[in-house]
Amino acid sequence: MLQYASATGLMRTILILLLIWFGGKILLRMFAPTIMKFFVKKAEQKFGSQFNPNQQRNYNSSRPEGEVVIDKMPKQETSNKNVGEYVDYEEID
């Protein structure tokens, strides 16, 4: 059996889509502040754990004041002496 689209079916589909669209916009406006607060709180916890003052206080209290500590040594750069000969030059006007 073959079915054809009717004008009432088309209007009903358009009406349902519009209701979903505007209902979604209204719900988003109502719940967006709550959702944003949730994400901001999660980001604050994430960044706060990286810069926790209690952790730094315990870290610094184990060392006497004025002591210098290097946590990471820089990479040793090796120079290649066989690159070539240095040639001094003069500019000619």
C-alpha atoms as a PDB file:
ATOM      1  CA  MET A   1       0.000   0.000   0.000  1.00  0.00           C
ATOM      2  CA  LEU A   2       1.446   3.356  -1.057  1.00  0.00           C
ATOM      3  CA  GLN A   3       1.048   6.362   1.264  1.00  0.00           C
ATOM      4  CA  TYR A   4       1.156   9.978   0.205  1.00  0.00           C
ATOM      5  CA  ALA A   5       2.148  13.008   2.250  1.00  0.00           C
ATOM      6  CA  SER A   6      -0.733  15.162   3.300  1.00  0.00           C
ATOM      7  CA  ALA A   7      -0.846  18.833   4.168  1.00  0.00           C
ATOM      8  CA  THR A   8      -1.978  18.079   7.722  1.00  0.00           C
ATOM      9  CA  GLY A   9       0.903  15.637   8.238  1.00  0.00           C
ATOM     10  CA  LEU A  10       3.381  18.227   6.984  1.00  0.00           C
ATOM     11  CA  MET A  11       1.919  20.927   9.238  1.00  0.00           C
ATOM     12  CA  ARG A  12       1.942  18.536  12.197  1.00  0.00           C
ATOM     13  CA  THR A  13       5.624  17.692  11.593  1.00  0.00           C
ATOM     14  CA  ILE A  14       6.553  21.378  11.311  1.00  0.00           C
ATOM     15  CA  LEU A  15       4.606  22.142  14.505  1.00  0.00           C
ATOM     16  CA  ILE A  16       6.382  19.340  16.398  1.00  0.00           C
ATOM     17  CA  LEU A  17       9.786  20.555  15.210  1.00  0.00           C
ATOM     18  CA  LEU A  18       8.983  24.139  16.259  1.00  0.00           C
ATOM     19  CA  LEU A  19       7.789  22.987  19.688  1.00  0.00           C
ATOM     20  CA  ILE A  20      10.981  20.984  20.186  1.00  0.00           C
ATOM     21  CA  TRP A  21      13.097  23.941  19.029  1.00  0.00           C
ATOM     22  CA  PHE A  22      11.476  26.561  21.254  1.00  0.00           C
ATOM     23  CA  GLY A  23      11.058  24.150  24.172  1.00  0.00           C
ATOM     24  CA  GLY A  24      14.750  23.320  23.960  1.00  0.00           C
ATOM     25  CA  LYS A  25      15.654  27.001  23.962  1.00  0.00           C
ATOM     26  CA  ILE A  26      13.515  27.617  27.051  1.00  0.00           C
ATOM     27  CA  LEU A  27      14.939  24.606  28.884  1.00  0.00           C
ATOM     28  CA  LEU A  28      18.484  25.613  27.947  1.00  0.00           C
ATOM     29  CA  ARG A  29      17.924  29.105  29.345  1.00  0.00           C
ATOM     30  CA  MET A  30      16.617  27.602  32.566  1.00  0.00           C
ATOM     31  CA  PHE A  31      19.363  25.024  33.073  1.00  0.00           C
ATOM     32  CA  ALA A  32      22.368  26.748  31.459  1.00  0.00           C
ATOM     33  CA  PRO A  33      23.440  28.569  34.663  1.00  0.00           C
ATOM     34  CA  THR A  34      23.353  25.298  36.609  1.00  0.00           C
ATOM     35  CA  ILE A  35      25.343  23.495  33.922  1.00  0.00           C
ATOM     36  CA  MET A  36      27.880  26.328  33.728  1.00  0.00           C
ATOM     37  CA  LYS A  37      28.310  26.353  37.527  1.00  0.00           C
ATOM     38  CA  PHE A  38      28.995  22.617  37.406  1.00  0.00           C
ATOM     39  CA  PHE A  39      31.707  22.971  34.738  1.00  0.00           C
ATOM     40  CA  VAL A  40      33.274  25.996  36.440  1.00  0.00           C
ATOM     41  CA  LYS A  41      33.404  24.130  39.744  1.00  0.00           C
ATOM     42  CA  LYS A  42      35.062  21.127  38.078  1.00  0.00           C
ATOM     43  CA  ALA A  43      37.643  23.376  36.386  1.00  0.00           C
ATOM     44  CA  GLU A  44      38.287  25.183  39.674  1.00  0.00           C
ATOM     45  CA  GLN A  45      38.925  21.871  41.433  1.00  0.00           C
ATOM     46  CA  LYS A  46      41.234  20.764  38.634  1.00  0.00           C
ATOM     47  CA  PHE A  47      43.296  23.960  38.703  1.00  0.00           C
ATOM     48  CA  GLY A  48      43.163  24.202  42.479  1.00  0.00           C
ATOM     49  CA  SER A  49      44.693  20.768  42.876  1.00  0.00           C
ATOM     50  CA  GLN A  50      47.678  21.889  40.807  1.00  0.00           C
ATOM     51  CA  PHE A  51      48.306  24.970  42.943  1.00  0.00           C
ATOM     52  CA  ASN A  52      47.281  23.729  46.363  1.00  0.00           C
ATOM     53  CA  PRO A  53      48.785  26.029  49.019  1.00  0.00           C
ATOM     54  CA  ASN A  54      48.738  23.261  51.638  1.00  0.00           C
ATOM     55  CA  GLN A  55      50.831  21.057  49.418  1.00  0.00           C
ATOM     56  CA  GLN A  56      53.354  23.840  48.782  1.00  0.00           C
ATOM     57  CA  ARG A  57      53.531  24.687  52.479  1.00  0.00           C
ATOM     58  CA  ASN A  58      54.405  21.086  53.351  1.00  0.00           C
ATOM     59  CA  TYR A  59      56.899  20.954  50.508  1.00  0.00           C
ATOM     60  CA  ASN A  60      58.651  24.149  51.577  1.00  0.00           C
ATOM     61  CA  SER A  61      58.624  23.385  55.302  1.00  0.00           C
ATOM     62  CA  SER A  62      60.868  20.328  54.872  1.00  0.00           C
ATOM     63  CA  ARG A  63      63.744  22.513  53.603  1.00  0.00           C
ATOM     64  CA  PRO A  64      65.492  25.301  55.490  1.00  0.00           C
ATOM     65  CA  GLU A  65      64.935  28.819  54.249  1.00  0.00           C
ATOM     66  CA  GLY A  66      67.437  29.972  51.636  1.00  0.00           C
ATOM     67  CA  GLU A  67      68.379  26.512  50.386  1.00  0.00           C
ATOM     68  CA  VAL A  68      68.499  26.217  46.597  1.00  0.00           C
ATOM     69  CA  VAL A  69      67.202  23.001  45.085  1.00  0.00           C
ATOM     70  CA  ILE A  70      67.272  22.130  41.389  1.00  0.00           C
ATOM     71  CA  ASP A  71      64.524  19.653  40.594  1.00  0.00           C
ATOM     72  CA  LYS A  72      65.374  19.149  36.934  1.00  0.00           C
ATOM     73  CA  MET A  73      68.798  19.320  35.360  1.00  0.00           C
ATOM     74  CA  PRO A  74      69.003  20.998  31.934  1.00  0.00           C
ATOM     75  CA  LYS A  75      69.994  18.887  28.966  1.00  0.00           C
ATOM     76  CA  GLN A  76      73.690  18.847  28.139  1.00  0.00           C
ATOM     77  CA  GLU A  77      74.159  20.385  24.737  1.00  0.00           C
ATOM     78  CA  THR A  78      76.860  18.683  22.769  1.00  0.00           C
ATOM     79  CA  SER A  79      78.614  20.748  20.157  1.00  0.00           C
ATOM     80  CA  ASN A  80      80.079  19.133  17.107  1.00  0.00           C
ATOM     81  CA  LYS A  81      83.681  20.315  16.696  1.00  0.00           C
ATOM     82  CA  ASN A  82      83.901  18.848  13.197  1.00  0.00           C
ATOM     83  CA  VAL A  83      81.411  21.293  11.711  1.00  0.00           C
ATOM     84  CA  GLY A  84      83.951  23.431   9.972  1.00  0.00           C
ATOM     85  CA  GLU A  85      86.511  26.180  10.341  1.00  0.00           C
ATOM     86  CA  TYR A  86      85.624  29.663  11.552  1.00  0.00           C
ATOM     87  CA  VAL A  87      86.468  32.272   8.926  1.00  0.00           C
ATOM     88  CA  ASP A  88      86.767  35.907   9.915  1.00  0.00           C
ATOM     89  CA  TYR A  89      85.424  38.274   7.261  1.00  0.00           C
ATOM     90  CA  GLU A  90      85.359  41.932   6.425  1.00  0.00           C
ATOM     91  CA  GLU A  91      82.539  43.805   4.750  1.00  0.00           C
ATOM     92  CA  ILE A  92      83.468  45.497   1.502  1.00  0.00           C
ATOM     93  CA  ASP A  93      81.565  48.655   0.588  1.00  0.00           C
END
